[in-house]
Every structure is written in C-alpha cells, then in structure tokens.
PDB file of N, CA and C in Angstrom:
ATOM      1  N   MET A   1       6.750  38.082  -6.165  1.00  0.00           N
ATOM      2  CA  MET A   1       7.166  37.150  -5.549  1.00  0.00           C
ATOM      3  C   MET A   1       6.749  35.430  -6.193  1.00  0.00           C
ATOM      4  N   PRO A   2       7.742  34.615  -6.791  1.00  0.00           N
ATOM      5  CA  PRO A   2       6.972  33.231  -7.527  1.00  0.00           C
ATOM      6  C   PRO A   2       6.627  32.728  -6.429  1.00  0.00           C
ATOM      7  N   THR A   3       5.427  31.587  -6.637  1.00  0.00           N
ATOM      8  CA  THR A   3       5.144  30.999  -5.650  1.00  0.00           C
ATOM      9  C   THR A   3       5.608  29.334  -5.829  1.00  0.00           C
ATOM     10  N   LEU A   4       5.431  29.063  -4.880  1.00  0.00           N
ATOM     11  CA  LEU A   4       6.275  27.142  -4.913  1.00  0.00           C
ATOM     12  C   LEU A   4       5.455  26.289  -5.373  1.00  0.00           C
ATOM     13  N   VAL A   5       5.293  25.569  -6.117  1.00  0.00           N
ATOM     14  CA  VAL A   5       4.335  24.827  -6.496  1.00  0.00           C
ATOM     15  C   VAL A   5       5.103  23.523  -6.181  1.00  0.00           C
ATOM     16  N   GLN A   6       4.175  22.595  -5.685  1.00  0.00           N
ATOM     17  CA  GLN A   6       4.520  21.302  -5.066  1.00  0.00           C
ATOM     18  C   GLN A   6       3.786  20.370  -5.886  1.00  0.00           C
ATOM     19  N   GLU A   7       4.901  19.008  -5.919  1.00  0.00           N
ATOM     20  CA  GLU A   7       4.582  18.285  -7.182  1.00  0.00           C
ATOM     21  C   GLU A   7       3.536  17.215  -6.521  1.00  0.00           C
ATOM     22  N   SER A   8       2.615  17.240  -6.803  1.00  0.00           N
ATOM     23  CA  SER A   8       1.213  16.414  -6.391  1.00  0.00           C
ATOM     24  C   SER A   8       1.329  14.687  -7.287  1.00  0.00           C
ATOM     25  N   ARG A   9       1.463  13.866  -6.223  1.00  0.00           N
ATOM     26  CA  ARG A   9       1.387  12.703  -6.890  1.00  0.00           C
ATOM     27  C   ARG A   9       0.279  11.855  -5.803  1.00  0.00           C
ATOM     28  N   ARG A  10      -0.246  10.653  -6.458  1.00  0.00           N
ATOM     29  CA  ARG A  10      -1.618  10.121  -6.183  1.00  0.00           C
ATOM     30  C   ARG A  10      -0.731   8.956  -5.900  1.00  0.00           C
ATOM     31  N   PRO A  11      -1.099   8.775  -4.185  1.00  0.00           N
ATOM     32  CA  PRO A  11      -0.712   7.611  -3.337  1.00  0.00           C
ATOM     33  C   PRO A  11      -0.634   6.738  -3.820  1.00  0.00           C
ATOM     34  N   ARG A  12       0.437   5.634  -3.576  1.00  0.00           N
ATOM     35  CA  ARG A  12       0.692   4.204  -3.834  1.00  0.00           C
ATOM     36  C   ARG A  12       0.152   3.526  -2.974  1.00  0.00           C
ATOM     37  N   VAL A  13      -0.939   2.144  -3.369  1.00  0.00           N
ATOM     38  CA  VAL A  13      -1.668   1.427  -2.511  1.00  0.00           C
ATOM     39  C   VAL A  13      -1.039  -0.193  -2.525  1.00  0.00           C
ATOM     40  N   LEU A  14      -0.640  -0.710  -1.761  1.00  0.00           N
ATOM     41  CA  LEU A  14      -0.479  -2.554  -1.854  1.00  0.00           C
ATOM     42  C   LEU A  14      -1.590  -2.865  -1.400  1.00  0.00           C
ATOM     43  N   ILE A  15      -2.498  -3.860  -2.127  1.00  0.00           N
ATOM     44  CA  ILE A  15      -2.967  -5.292  -1.826  1.00  0.00           C
ATOM     45  C   ILE A  15      -2.566  -6.257  -1.906  1.00  0.00           C
ATOM     46  N   CYS A  16      -2.529  -6.936  -0.353  1.00  0.00           N
ATOM     47  CA  CYS A  16      -1.548  -7.948  -0.183  1.00  0.00           C
ATOM     48  C   CYS A  16      -2.652  -9.276  -0.093  1.00  0.00           C
ATOM     49  N   ASP A  17      -4.072  -9.204   0.266  1.00  0.00           N
ATOM     50  CA  ASP A  17      -4.760 -10.093  -0.070  1.00  0.00           C
ATOM     51  C   ASP A  17      -5.855 -10.006  -1.051  1.00  0.00           C
ATOM     52  N   PRO A  18      -6.557 -10.922  -1.213  1.00  0.00           N
ATOM     53  CA  PRO A  18      -7.742 -10.747  -2.192  1.00  0.00           C
ATOM     54  C   PRO A  18      -9.090 -10.133  -1.357  1.00  0.00           C
ATOM     55  N   ILE A  19      -9.464  -9.177  -2.248  1.00  0.00           N
ATOM     56  CA  ILE A  19     -10.557  -7.972  -1.356  1.00  0.00           C
ATOM     57  C   ILE A  19     -11.314  -8.088  -2.751  1.00  0.00           C
ATOM     58  N   ILE A  20     -12.278  -7.649  -2.447  1.00  0.00           N
ATOM     59  CA  ILE A  20     -13.727  -7.451  -3.425  1.00  0.00           C
ATOM     60  C   ILE A  20     -13.672  -6.387  -4.614  1.00  0.00           C
ATOM     61  N   GLU A  21     -13.753  -6.799  -5.564  1.00  0.00           N
ATOM     62  CA  GLU A  21     -13.688  -5.517  -6.818  1.00  0.00           C
ATOM     63  C   GLU A  21     -14.287  -4.437  -6.117  1.00  0.00           C
ATOM     64  N   PRO A  22     -15.197  -4.254  -5.842  1.00  0.00           N
ATOM     65  CA  PRO A  22     -15.832  -2.925  -5.722  1.00  0.00           C
ATOM     66  C   PRO A  22     -14.681  -2.426  -4.963  1.00  0.00           C
ATOM     67  N   VAL A  23     -13.888  -2.336  -3.846  1.00  0.00           N
ATOM     68  CA  VAL A  23     -13.363  -1.961  -3.302  1.00  0.00           C
ATOM     69  C   VAL A  23     -11.990  -1.212  -3.822  1.00  0.00           C
ATOM     70  N   ILE A  24     -11.698  -2.348  -4.816  1.00  0.00           N
ATOM     71  CA  ILE A  24     -10.560  -2.195  -5.284  1.00  0.00           C
ATOM     72  C   ILE A  24     -10.692  -0.949  -6.804  1.00  0.00           C
ATOM     73  N   GLN A  25     -11.916  -0.785  -7.376  1.00  0.00           N
ATOM     74  CA  GLN A  25     -12.374   0.143  -8.189  1.00  0.00           C
ATOM     75  C   GLN A  25     -12.371   1.319  -7.275  1.00  0.00           C
ATOM     76  N   LEU A  26     -12.923   1.380  -6.004  1.00  0.00           N
ATOM     77  CA  LEU A  26     -13.111   2.796  -5.351  1.00  0.00           C
ATOM     78  C   LEU A  26     -11.501   3.311  -5.328  1.00  0.00           C
ATOM     79  N   LEU A  27     -10.932   2.100  -4.480  1.00  0.00           N
ATOM     80  CA  LEU A  27      -9.147   2.960  -4.722  1.00  0.00           C
ATOM     81  C   LEU A  27      -8.142   3.345  -6.024  1.00  0.00           C
ATOM     82  N   HIS A  28      -8.399   2.231  -6.845  1.00  0.00           N
ATOM     83  CA  HIS A  28      -8.218   2.978  -8.187  1.00  0.00           C
ATOM     84  C   HIS A  28      -8.908   4.292  -8.544  1.00  0.00           C
ATOM     85  N   ASP A  29      -9.968   4.959  -7.990  1.00  0.00           N
ATOM     86  CA  ASP A  29     -10.832   6.288  -8.258  1.00  0.00           C
ATOM     87  C   ASP A  29     -10.031   7.207  -8.043  1.00  0.00           C
ATOM     88  N   HIS A  30      -8.443   6.977  -6.875  1.00  0.00           N
ATOM     89  CA  HIS A  30      -7.768   7.952  -6.113  1.00  0.00           C
ATOM     90  C   HIS A  30      -6.443   7.390  -5.482  1.00  0.00           C
ATOM     91  N   ALA A  31      -5.929   6.659  -6.332  1.00  0.00           N
ATOM     92  CA  ALA A  31      -4.766   6.094  -5.719  1.00  0.00           C
ATOM     93  C   ALA A  31      -4.225   4.960  -6.846  1.00  0.00           C
ATOM     94  N   GLU A  32      -3.065   4.790  -6.792  1.00  0.00           N
ATOM     95  CA  GLU A  32      -2.020   3.708  -7.777  1.00  0.00           C
ATOM     96  C   GLU A  32      -2.397   2.568  -7.203  1.00  0.00           C
ATOM     97  N   VAL A  33      -2.665   1.507  -7.355  1.00  0.00           N
ATOM     98  CA  VAL A  33      -3.094   0.682  -6.611  1.00  0.00           C
ATOM     99  C   VAL A  33      -2.376  -1.103  -7.573  1.00  0.00           C
ATOM    100  N   ASP A  34      -2.023  -1.631  -6.377  1.00  0.00           N
ATOM    101  CA  ASP A  34      -1.000  -2.969  -7.025  1.00  0.00           C
ATOM    102  C   ASP A  34      -1.385  -4.179  -6.253  1.00  0.00           C
ATOM    103  N   GLN A  35      -2.244  -4.672  -6.693  1.00  0.00           N
ATOM    104  CA  GLN A  35      -2.400  -6.171  -6.304  1.00  0.00           C
ATOM    105  C   GLN A  35      -1.828  -7.303  -6.598  1.00  0.00           C
ATOM    106  N   LYS A  36      -1.079  -7.566  -5.506  1.00  0.00           N
ATOM    107  CA  LYS A  36       0.263  -8.667  -5.134  1.00  0.00           C
ATOM    108  C   LYS A  36      -0.331  -9.561  -4.247  1.00  0.00           C
ATOM    109  N   THR A  37      -0.710 -10.947  -4.498  1.00  0.00           N
ATOM    110  CA  THR A  37      -1.135 -11.499  -3.073  1.00  0.00           C
ATOM    111  C   THR A  37       0.157 -12.949  -2.743  1.00  0.00           C
ATOM    112  N   ASN A  38       0.100 -13.139  -2.104  1.00  0.00           N
ATOM    113  CA  ASN A  38       0.883 -14.793  -1.778  1.00  0.00           C
ATOM    114  C   ASN A  38       1.829 -14.044  -1.914  1.00  0.00           C
ATOM    115  N   LEU A  39       2.357 -13.027  -1.209  1.00  0.00           N
ATOM    116  CA  LEU A  39       3.598 -12.600  -1.048  1.00  0.00           C
ATOM    117  C   LEU A  39       5.042 -13.348   0.107  1.00  0.00           C
ATOM    118  N   THR A  40       5.765 -13.292  -0.424  1.00  0.00           N
ATOM    119  CA  THR A  40       6.525 -14.109   1.158  1.00  0.00           C
ATOM    120  C   THR A  40       7.502 -13.317   1.844  1.00  0.00           C
ATOM    121  N   ASP A  41       7.896 -13.207   2.928  1.00  0.00           N
ATOM    122  CA  ASP A  41       7.787 -12.221   3.690  1.00  0.00           C
ATOM    123  C   ASP A  41       9.040 -11.337   3.161  1.00  0.00           C
ATOM    124  N   GLU A  42       9.738 -11.898   2.300  1.00  0.00           N
ATOM    125  CA  GLU A  42      10.842 -11.096   2.134  1.00  0.00           C
ATOM    126  C   GLU A  42      10.468 -10.441   0.808  1.00  0.00           C
ATOM    127  N   GLU A  43       9.816 -11.023  -0.209  1.00  0.00           N
ATOM    128  CA  GLU A  43       9.536 -10.260  -1.125  1.00  0.00           C
ATOM    129  C   GLU A  43       8.284  -8.879  -0.685  1.00  0.00           C
ATOM    130  N   LEU A  44       7.882  -9.323   0.163  1.00  0.00           N
ATOM    131  CA  LEU A  44       7.341  -7.960   1.203  1.00  0.00           C
ATOM    132  C   LEU A  44       8.034  -7.266   1.198  1.00  0.00           C
ATOM    133  N   LEU A  45       9.290  -7.501   1.993  1.00  0.00           N
ATOM    134  CA  LEU A  45      10.334  -6.724   2.839  1.00  0.00           C
ATOM    135  C   LEU A  45      10.834  -5.407   1.354  1.00  0.00           C
ATOM    136  N   GLN A  46      11.082  -6.343   0.857  1.00  0.00           N
ATOM    137  CA  GLN A  46      11.578  -5.964  -0.821  1.00  0.00           C
ATOM    138  C   GLN A  46      10.630  -4.288  -1.122  1.00  0.00           C
ATOM    139  N   ILE A  47       9.481  -5.046  -1.480  1.00  0.00           N
ATOM    140  CA  ILE A  47       8.890  -3.835  -2.013  1.00  0.00           C
ATOM    141  C   ILE A  47       8.026  -2.631  -0.848  1.00  0.00           C
ATOM    142  N   ILE A  48       7.589  -3.244   0.114  1.00  0.00           N
ATOM    143  CA  ILE A  48       7.318  -1.941   1.079  1.00  0.00           C
ATOM    144  C   ILE A  48       7.707  -0.853   0.775  1.00  0.00           C
ATOM    145  N   PRO A  49       8.488  -0.280   1.000  1.00  0.00           N
ATOM    146  CA  PRO A  49       9.229   0.876   1.084  1.00  0.00           C
ATOM    147  C   PRO A  49       8.700   1.831  -0.069  1.00  0.00           C
ATOM    148  N   ASN A  50       7.973   0.877  -1.729  1.00  0.00           N
ATOM    149  CA  ASN A  50       7.677   2.035  -2.408  1.00  0.00           C
ATOM    150  C   ASN A  50       5.945   2.374  -2.542  1.00  0.00           C
ATOM    151  N   TYR A  51       5.579   2.031  -1.440  1.00  0.00           N
ATOM    152  CA  TYR A  51       3.555   2.484  -0.897  1.00  0.00           C
ATOM    153  C   TYR A  51       3.514   3.219   0.177  1.00  0.00           C
ATOM    154  N   ASP A  52       2.480   3.962  -0.395  1.00  0.00           N
ATOM    155  CA  ASP A  52       2.357   4.861   1.409  1.00  0.00           C
ATOM    156  C   ASP A  52       1.320   4.090   2.145  1.00  0.00           C
ATOM    157  N   ALA A  53       0.833   2.796   1.644  1.00  0.00           N
ATOM    158  CA  ALA A  53      -0.719   2.288   2.057  1.00  0.00           C
ATOM    159  C   ALA A  53      -0.526   0.685   1.613  1.00  0.00           C
ATOM    160  N   VAL A  54      -0.783   0.068   2.869  1.00  0.00           N
ATOM    161  CA  VAL A  54      -0.802  -1.345   2.752  1.00  0.00           C
ATOM    162  C   VAL A  54      -2.107  -1.728   2.949  1.00  0.00           C
ATOM    163  N   ILE A  55      -3.089  -2.720   2.146  1.00  0.00           N
ATOM    164  CA  ILE A  55      -4.417  -3.171   2.857  1.00  0.00           C
ATOM    165  C   ILE A  55      -4.152  -5.254   2.840  1.00  0.00           C
ATOM    166  N   VAL A  56      -4.371  -5.695   3.688  1.00  0.00           N
ATOM    167  CA  VAL A  56      -4.306  -7.256   3.840  1.00  0.00           C
ATOM    168  C   VAL A  56      -5.869  -7.448   4.694  1.00  0.00           C
ATOM    169  N   CYS A  57      -6.001  -8.714   4.445  1.00  0.00           N
ATOM    170  CA  CYS A  57      -7.100  -9.225   4.873  1.00  0.00           C
ATOM    171  C   CYS A  57      -7.102 -10.347   5.708  1.00  0.00           C
ATOM    172  N   GLY A  58      -6.075 -10.898   6.358  1.00  0.00           N
ATOM    173  CA  GLY A  58      -6.305 -11.868   7.188  1.00  0.00           C
ATOM    174  C   GLY A  58      -4.798 -12.877   6.707  1.00  0.00           C
ATOM    175  N   GLY A  59      -4.276 -13.239   5.358  1.00  0.00           N
ATOM    176  CA  GLY A  59      -3.555 -13.480   5.202  1.00  0.00           C
ATOM    177  C   GLY A  59      -2.211 -13.134   5.181  1.00  0.00           C
ATOM    178  N   THR A  60      -1.987 -12.163   4.611  1.00  0.00           N
ATOM    179  CA  THR A  60      -0.601 -11.273   5.105  1.00  0.00           C
ATOM    180  C   THR A  60      -0.307 -10.668   6.055  1.00  0.00           C
ATOM    181  N   GLN A  61       0.845 -10.884   7.128  1.00  0.00           N
ATOM    182  CA  GLN A  61       1.329 -10.347   8.267  1.00  0.00           C
ATOM    183  C   GLN A  61       2.429  -9.223   8.232  1.00  0.00           C
ATOM    184  N   VAL A  62       1.729  -7.976   8.168  1.00  0.00           N
ATOM    185  CA  VAL A  62       2.613  -6.727   8.582  1.00  0.00           C
ATOM    186  C   VAL A  62       3.568  -6.938   9.996  1.00  0.00           C
ATOM    187  N   ASN A  63       4.307  -7.110  10.191  1.00  0.00           N
ATOM    188  CA  ASN A  63       5.292  -7.442  11.664  1.00  0.00           C
ATOM    189  C   ASN A  63       5.733  -6.127  11.534  1.00  0.00           C
ATOM    190  N   ALA A  64       6.750  -6.353  12.516  1.00  0.00           N
ATOM    191  CA  ALA A  64       7.384  -5.014  12.944  1.00  0.00           C
ATOM    192  C   ALA A  64       8.352  -5.194  11.985  1.00  0.00           C
ATOM    193  N   GLU A  65       9.245  -6.277  11.659  1.00  0.00           N
ATOM    194  CA  GLU A  65      10.175  -5.795  10.429  1.00  0.00           C
ATOM    195  C   GLU A  65       9.561  -4.970   9.014  1.00  0.00           C
ATOM    196  N   ALA A  66       8.397  -5.995   8.962  1.00  0.00           N
ATOM    197  CA  ALA A  66       7.857  -5.042   7.226  1.00  0.00           C
ATOM    198  C   ALA A  66       7.795  -3.541   7.942  1.00  0.00           C
ATOM    199  N   ILE A  67       7.090  -3.324   8.910  1.00  0.00           N
ATOM    200  CA  ILE A  67       6.672  -1.845   9.137  1.00  0.00           C
ATOM    201  C   ILE A  67       7.871  -0.968   8.894  1.00  0.00           C
ATOM    202  N   ALA A  68       8.769  -1.093   9.664  1.00  0.00           N
ATOM    203  CA  ALA A  68      10.512  -0.476   9.674  1.00  0.00           C
ATOM    204  C   ALA A  68      11.043  -0.651   8.515  1.00  0.00           C
ATOM    205  N   HIS A  69      10.508  -1.310   7.343  1.00  0.00           N
ATOM    206  CA  HIS A  69      11.025  -1.313   5.819  1.00  0.00           C
ATOM    207  C   HIS A  69      10.471  -0.133   5.265  1.00  0.00           C
ATOM    208  N   GLY A  70       9.350  -0.117   5.801  1.00  0.00           N
ATOM    209  CA  GLY A  70       8.205   0.718   5.058  1.00  0.00           C
ATOM    210  C   GLY A  70       7.977   2.069   5.683  1.00  0.00           C
ATOM    211  N   LEU A  71       9.096   2.582   4.809  1.00  0.00           N
ATOM    212  CA  LEU A  71       9.364   3.844   5.111  1.00  0.00           C
ATOM    213  C   LEU A  71       8.236   5.211   4.963  1.00  0.00           C
ATOM    214  N   ASN A  72       7.945   5.279   3.591  1.00  0.00           N
ATOM    215  CA  ASN A  72       6.704   5.671   3.073  1.00  0.00           C
ATOM    216  C   ASN A  72       5.536   5.364   3.518  1.00  0.00           C
ATOM    217  N   LEU A  73       4.978   4.116   4.353  1.00  0.00           N
ATOM    218  CA  LEU A  73       4.084   4.004   4.771  1.00  0.00           C
ATOM    219  C   LEU A  73       2.822   5.146   5.465  1.00  0.00           C
ATOM    220  N   LYS A  74       1.930   5.156   5.041  1.00  0.00           N
ATOM    221  CA  LYS A  74       1.226   6.137   6.202  1.00  0.00           C
ATOM    222  C   LYS A  74      -0.146   5.283   6.602  1.00  0.00           C
ATOM    223  N   VAL A  75      -0.566   4.414   6.365  1.00  0.00           N
ATOM    224  CA  VAL A  75      -1.518   3.210   6.509  1.00  0.00           C
ATOM    225  C   VAL A  75      -1.375   2.100   6.301  1.00  0.00           C
ATOM    226  N   ILE A  76      -1.944   0.904   7.207  1.00  0.00           N
ATOM    227  CA  ILE A  76      -1.916  -0.293   7.298  1.00  0.00           C
ATOM    228  C   ILE A  76      -3.436  -0.502   7.679  1.00  0.00           C
ATOM    229  N   ALA A  77      -4.017  -0.986   6.843  1.00  0.00           N
ATOM    230  CA  ALA A  77      -5.374  -1.331   6.823  1.00  0.00           C
ATOM    231  C   ALA A  77      -5.546  -3.145   6.738  1.00  0.00           C
ATOM    232  N   LYS A  78      -6.909  -3.636   7.509  1.00  0.00           N
ATOM    233  CA  LYS A  78      -7.207  -4.634   7.546  1.00  0.00           C
ATOM    234  C   LYS A  78      -8.715  -4.652   6.730  1.00  0.00           C
ATOM    235  N   ALA A  79      -8.727  -5.182   5.307  1.00  0.00           N
ATOM    236  CA  ALA A  79     -10.095  -5.176   4.902  1.00  0.00           C
ATOM    237  C   ALA A  79     -10.868  -6.217   5.772  1.00  0.00           C
ATOM    238  N   GLY A  80     -12.438  -5.609   5.442  1.00  0.00           N
ATOM    239  CA  GLY A  80     -13.437  -6.628   6.609  1.00  0.00           C
ATOM    240  C   GLY A  80     -13.681  -6.585   7.823  1.00  0.00           C
TER     241      GLY A  80
END
C-alpha cells in the first residue's frame, strides 16, 4: 500500500517591529523570516495572508481586520 507523503514547509514569520538580532537568528533556524518595519495598515493587510506568524514589539497594531486577513496565521506574538 503506498504511503501518503505530506509536503513539509518551513513556517513563514513576519517581524513588524525592530527586535534584537539574537531572536531573529533563532527564528531563522526554524522558519522563513521577513522583517518589514514601518508598514502601513494597508500594507500589513496585503501581506499578512502569506504568514503563519506575526511578531510585533509595540509599534505595530494587529487589529481585528488584520487578523481576519491573516488566513494562515497560527501565532501573533509580542516580543519583550
């Protein structure tokens, strides 16, 4: 009987605010990481569907509309 092979991919993480480099390096070990700071609300809404996790650190607000657009989101975290 053939076995089902699931395609595995690394999670995609969006960092929206500046965070310390050691944290970014740790994330790079386990995920695809994009750091995009100073996003407008509209820019965040456009790109958030591409990510599994979003990390903020006080500057970016992930509101209900952003969450609704984050169809693949599993985690929203606040660093610090």
